[in-house]
Amino acid sequence: MPLVAAVAVPHTPQLLVRPDTEDRDLVLRVHAAYARVKQRLTDARVEAICLVGGDHIEGFFLNAVPAFAVYTGAKVSGQFGRYAYSFDVHEPLARAIVEQGIEREFDLCYSQDVRLDYAFYVPLHFTTPDRSIPIVPLYVNVYLPPQPTPRRCYAWGTALRAILDARPERVALMASGGLSHYPGTDRYASPDFDWDRQLLASLAEGRGAETARLTGEELDKAGNVELRTWITVLGAVGDARADVVCYEPSWHHGNAVVTWPVASR
């Protein structure tokens, strides 16, 4: 069964906890965009969700920092603020991604004991059509140098698409992250919204492959280190034209929700 859905969503914490610093109307507009993704996954009759996210130095740090990793345990759990959560993992699919990814010359790390942080939970909280649908957390190192190059992320997405298309399950591929933001820096209140808008315009024209030519320095300068998760999904969807469901620039994040049509290969 080929891949049946491909989406990218933000995991901005303020969209969930909603402190007084936030524009309520903006937050609700992003929630509405999440709801459209949720309906898309429902309509696609998704049987497993592969979620590509970056770990916020909660699961991987001094013990190990893999470029790409796959969670392969039976369940995965975590906590963010007052939210405690646990999800079933699609173990056969996770193992197949590891084994076939290695056959395709990607030296993947795998783990059965990593805390699932909010980069994964926030999108699932808003978009999971049924909490009983198993997931496969796919990690991309977006924070700790040296990170994988955009070119390598795109290639991993291409390989991942081939693996998923050969599976019997109806699988959705979801990228979590972005867009522009500068946490922990004096630029936190000044995201690069112009860079975001130019990126989204190129994705709407089906020019996602161009992201593979970006450099790590360019991503860092634009506050878009997390775009590596999107680039992974772009490798899977190829030249498909993106549907930009929303772009909501808050005072600290460029919140974007994007979907792609998925055609059989």
Protein backbone atom coordinates (compact mmCIF):
# COMPACT_ATOMS: atom_id res chain seq x y z
CA MET A 1 0.00 0.00 0.00
CA PRO A 2 1.55 3.32 -1.00
CA LEU A 3 1.94 6.27 1.33
CA VAL A 4 -1.54 7.77 1.78
CA ALA A 5 -0.88 11.17 3.43
CA ALA A 6 1.99 13.63 3.85
CA VAL A 7 1.81 16.71 6.07
CA ALA A 8 3.99 19.17 8.00
CA VAL A 9 2.88 20.94 11.16
CA PRO A 10 4.37 23.09 13.92
CA HIS A 11 4.91 21.94 17.49
CA THR A 12 5.02 25.41 19.02
CA PRO A 13 4.42 24.77 22.76
CA GLN A 14 2.35 27.93 23.17
CA LEU A 15 -0.28 26.49 20.84
CA LEU A 16 -1.02 23.88 23.50
CA VAL A 17 -0.43 25.61 26.82
CA ARG A 18 -1.67 29.02 25.57
CA PRO A 19 -0.05 31.50 27.98
CA ASP A 20 -1.33 35.06 28.24
CA THR A 21 1.45 36.22 25.92
CA GLU A 22 -0.32 34.69 22.92
CA ASP A 23 -2.77 36.13 20.41
CA ARG A 24 -5.83 33.97 21.07
CA ASP A 25 -7.29 34.41 17.58
CA LEU A 26 -3.98 33.38 15.98
CA VAL A 27 -3.79 30.29 18.17
CA LEU A 28 -7.35 29.30 17.22
CA ARG A 29 -6.58 29.72 13.52
CA VAL A 30 -3.67 27.30 13.85
CA HIS A 31 -5.94 24.92 15.76
CA ALA A 32 -8.36 25.07 12.83
CA ALA A 33 -5.51 24.19 10.46
CA TYR A 34 -4.59 21.25 12.67
CA ALA A 35 -8.25 20.15 12.45
CA ARG A 36 -8.03 20.10 8.66
CA VAL A 37 -4.99 17.81 8.90
CA LYS A 38 -6.89 15.60 11.34
CA GLN A 39 -9.74 15.31 8.83
CA ARG A 40 -7.28 14.52 6.06
CA LEU A 41 -5.82 11.65 8.08
CA THR A 42 -9.31 10.38 8.86
CA ASP A 43 -10.35 10.50 5.20
CA ALA A 44 -7.14 8.65 4.22
CA ARG A 45 -8.03 5.82 6.64
CA VAL A 46 -4.55 5.95 8.10
CA GLU A 47 -3.35 2.81 9.90
CA ALA A 48 0.03 4.11 11.11
CA ILE A 49 1.65 7.53 11.47
CA CYS A 50 5.37 7.99 10.92
CA LEU A 51 6.19 11.23 12.69
CA VAL A 52 9.49 12.93 11.83
CA GLY A 53 10.62 15.16 14.68
CA GLY A 54 13.62 16.56 16.49
CA ASP A 55 14.40 15.68 20.07
CA HIS A 56 14.74 18.73 22.35
CA ILE A 57 17.77 17.21 24.11
CA GLU A 58 15.50 15.06 26.27
CA GLY A 59 16.07 11.64 24.75
CA PHE A 60 19.46 12.09 23.10
CA PHE A 61 22.28 14.17 24.55
CA LEU A 62 25.56 13.10 26.14
CA ASN A 63 24.67 9.41 25.88
CA ALA A 64 24.31 9.49 22.07
CA VAL A 65 23.35 11.96 19.36
CA PRO A 66 22.36 10.06 16.21
CA ALA A 67 21.79 11.86 12.93
CA PHE A 68 18.71 9.68 12.29
CA ALA A 69 16.98 7.35 14.73
CA VAL A 70 13.88 5.15 14.87
CA TYR A 71 11.94 4.25 18.00
CA THR A 72 11.22 0.51 17.94
CA GLY A 73 9.66 -0.27 21.34
CA ALA A 74 6.09 -1.43 21.85
CA LYS A 75 5.00 1.83 23.51
CA VAL A 76 6.46 5.29 23.82
CA SER A 77 5.62 7.76 26.58
CA GLY A 78 6.45 11.22 27.82
CA GLN A 79 5.25 14.26 29.69
CA PHE A 80 4.96 17.93 28.81
CA GLY A 81 3.71 20.22 31.55
CA ARG A 82 0.45 18.79 32.85
CA TYR A 83 0.14 16.45 29.86
CA ALA A 84 1.24 12.84 30.36
CA TYR A 85 0.87 10.64 27.31
CA SER A 86 1.58 7.21 25.88
CA PHE A 87 1.23 5.89 22.34
CA ASP A 88 1.36 2.43 20.84
CA VAL A 89 4.19 1.95 18.37
CA HIS A 90 3.79 0.02 15.13
CA GLU A 91 6.69 -2.33 15.84
CA PRO A 92 6.73 -4.27 12.54
CA LEU A 93 6.80 -1.03 10.57
CA ALA A 94 9.49 0.46 12.83
CA ARG A 95 11.70 -2.62 12.44
CA ALA A 96 11.20 -2.63 8.68
CA ILE A 97 12.29 1.01 8.47
CA VAL A 98 15.47 0.23 10.43
CA GLU A 99 16.35 -2.92 8.52
CA GLN A 100 15.55 -1.63 5.06
CA GLY A 101 17.02 1.78 5.82
CA ILE A 102 20.32 0.12 6.66
CA GLU A 103 20.08 -1.92 3.46
CA ARG A 104 19.78 1.40 1.64
CA GLU A 105 23.03 2.55 3.31
CA PHE A 106 21.59 4.77 6.03
CA ASP A 107 23.32 3.95 9.32
CA LEU A 108 20.26 4.31 11.50
CA CYS A 109 20.20 4.30 15.27
CA TYR A 110 17.26 2.65 17.01
CA SER A 111 16.02 2.70 20.58
CA GLN A 112 13.31 1.14 22.72
CA ASP A 113 13.81 3.60 25.57
CA VAL A 114 13.53 7.27 24.59
CA ARG A 115 11.24 9.84 26.16
CA LEU A 116 8.75 11.27 23.65
CA ASP A 117 8.93 15.04 23.95
CA TYR A 118 6.55 17.78 22.85
CA ALA A 119 7.93 17.91 19.30
CA PHE A 120 5.95 14.71 18.83
CA TYR A 121 3.14 15.20 21.30
CA VAL A 122 1.84 18.61 20.22
CA PRO A 123 1.10 17.50 16.61
CA LEU A 124 -0.41 14.21 17.80
CA HIS A 125 -2.56 16.00 20.38
CA PHE A 126 -4.25 18.06 17.68
CA THR A 127 -4.19 15.82 14.60
CA THR A 128 -4.48 12.19 15.66
CA PRO A 129 -7.87 11.04 14.39
CA ASP A 130 -7.87 8.06 16.75
CA ARG A 131 -5.45 7.62 19.66
CA SER A 132 -5.49 3.88 18.93
CA ILE A 133 -3.58 4.45 15.66
CA PRO A 134 0.02 3.33 16.27
CA ILE A 135 2.91 5.64 15.51
CA VAL A 136 6.57 5.34 14.57
CA PRO A 137 8.74 8.18 15.95
CA LEU A 138 11.49 9.05 13.48
CA TYR A 139 14.20 11.29 14.91
CA VAL A 140 16.31 13.78 12.99
CA ASN A 141 19.05 15.60 14.90
CA VAL A 142 18.15 19.25 14.32
CA TYR A 143 19.72 20.87 17.39
CA LEU A 144 23.17 19.56 18.26
CA PRO A 145 26.02 20.12 15.78
CA PRO A 146 27.04 18.45 13.63
CA GLN A 147 23.56 17.91 12.20
CA PRO A 148 22.80 15.95 9.03
CA THR A 149 22.94 18.06 5.90
CA PRO A 150 19.72 19.05 4.15
CA ARG A 151 20.91 16.95 1.21
CA ARG A 152 21.16 13.87 3.43
CA CYS A 153 17.74 14.55 5.00
CA TYR A 154 16.18 14.74 1.53
CA ALA A 155 17.86 11.49 0.51
CA TRP A 156 16.60 9.81 3.69
CA GLY A 157 13.08 10.93 2.85
CA THR A 158 13.38 9.47 -0.63
CA ALA A 159 14.51 6.14 0.79
CA LEU A 160 11.78 6.25 3.42
CA ARG A 161 9.13 6.72 0.73
CA ALA A 162 10.32 3.57 -1.06
CA ILE A 163 10.20 1.62 2.20
CA LEU A 164 6.70 2.84 3.07
CA ASP A 165 5.31 2.27 -0.42
CA ALA A 166 6.23 -1.40 -0.14
CA ARG A 167 4.34 -1.85 3.14
CA PRO A 168 0.79 -3.25 3.49
CA GLU A 169 -0.27 -0.55 5.98
CA ARG A 170 -1.87 2.76 5.03
CA VAL A 171 0.82 5.11 6.34
CA ALA A 172 0.85 8.87 6.94
CA LEU A 173 4.15 10.73 7.02
CA MET A 174 4.18 13.83 9.23
CA ALA A 175 6.95 16.39 9.77
CA SER A 176 6.97 18.29 13.05
CA GLY A 177 8.75 21.61 13.45
CA GLY A 178 9.29 25.20 12.48
CA LEU A 179 9.10 27.45 10.95
CA SER A 180 11.44 30.33 11.84
CA HIS A 181 12.18 30.83 15.54
CA TYR A 182 15.25 31.53 17.67
CA PRO A 183 14.74 29.95 21.11
CA GLY A 184 17.18 30.93 23.81
CA THR A 185 18.61 33.87 21.85
CA ASP A 186 18.15 37.63 21.70
CA ARG A 187 16.38 37.12 18.36
CA TYR A 188 13.49 35.18 19.90
CA ALA A 189 11.06 38.01 19.20
CA SER A 190 12.28 38.48 15.61
CA PRO A 191 11.67 35.38 13.46
CA ASP A 192 12.55 35.57 9.77
CA PHE A 193 9.02 35.64 8.36
CA ASP A 194 10.14 36.74 4.90
CA TRP A 195 12.36 33.65 4.60
CA ASP A 196 9.41 31.48 5.66
CA ARG A 197 7.08 33.01 3.09
CA GLN A 198 9.59 32.55 0.29
CA LEU A 199 10.03 28.91 1.31
CA LEU A 200 6.28 28.26 1.37
CA ALA A 201 5.84 29.88 -2.03
CA SER A 202 8.49 27.57 -3.49
CA LEU A 203 6.85 24.52 -1.91
CA ALA A 204 3.48 25.54 -3.37
CA GLU A 205 5.16 25.55 -6.79
CA GLY A 206 6.50 22.03 -6.29
CA ARG A 207 10.11 23.12 -5.84
CA GLY A 208 10.73 21.24 -2.60
CA ALA A 209 13.85 19.56 -4.00
CA GLU A 210 15.59 22.93 -3.83
CA THR A 211 15.69 22.63 -0.03
CA ALA A 212 18.27 19.85 -0.42
CA ARG A 213 20.71 22.49 -1.67
CA LEU A 214 20.44 24.62 1.47
CA THR A 215 23.33 24.65 3.90
CA GLY A 216 23.25 24.20 7.64
CA GLU A 217 24.51 27.77 7.99
CA GLU A 218 21.56 29.07 5.97
CA LEU A 219 19.07 27.15 8.10
CA ASP A 220 20.65 28.42 11.30
CA LYS A 221 20.69 32.03 10.10
CA ALA A 222 16.97 31.86 9.20
CA GLY A 223 15.99 30.24 12.50
CA ASN A 224 14.98 27.12 10.61
CA VAL A 225 17.18 24.33 11.94
CA GLU A 226 13.99 22.28 12.38
CA LEU A 227 13.34 22.45 8.64
CA ARG A 228 15.38 19.25 8.40
CA THR A 229 12.24 17.33 9.40
CA TRP A 230 10.29 19.01 6.59
CA ILE A 231 13.10 18.33 4.12
CA THR A 232 12.89 14.64 5.03
CA VAL A 233 9.20 14.62 4.10
CA LEU A 234 9.98 16.63 0.96
CA GLY A 235 12.30 13.83 -0.10
CA ALA A 236 9.31 11.50 0.17
CA VAL A 237 6.83 13.65 -1.77
CA GLY A 238 9.21 14.76 -4.53
CA ASP A 239 7.91 17.53 -6.80
CA ALA A 240 4.33 17.46 -5.48
CA ARG A 241 2.87 20.93 -5.03
CA ALA A 242 2.20 21.82 -1.40
CA ASP A 243 -1.13 23.09 -0.11
CA VAL A 244 -0.26 25.76 2.45
CA VAL A 245 -3.17 25.35 4.85
CA CYS A 246 -2.02 28.25 7.01
CA TYR A 247 0.89 30.48 7.85
CA GLU A 248 0.48 32.37 11.10
CA PRO A 249 3.46 34.47 12.19
CA SER A 250 3.37 34.94 15.94
CA TRP A 251 5.76 37.18 17.83
CA HIS A 252 8.12 34.23 18.32
CA HIS A 253 7.34 31.53 15.70
CA GLY A 254 6.32 31.22 12.09
CA ASN A 255 3.53 28.64 12.44
CA ALA A 256 2.91 26.78 9.19
CA VAL A 257 0.65 23.84 8.34
CA VAL A 258 1.21 22.23 4.94
CA THR A 259 -0.12 19.14 3.16
CA TRP A 260 0.93 17.41 -0.05
CA PRO A 261 -1.05 15.22 -2.46
CA VAL A 262 0.30 11.69 -2.47
CA ALA A 263 0.27 9.85 -5.78
CA SER A 264 1.31 6.25 -6.33
CA ARG A 265 4.86 5.71 -7.56
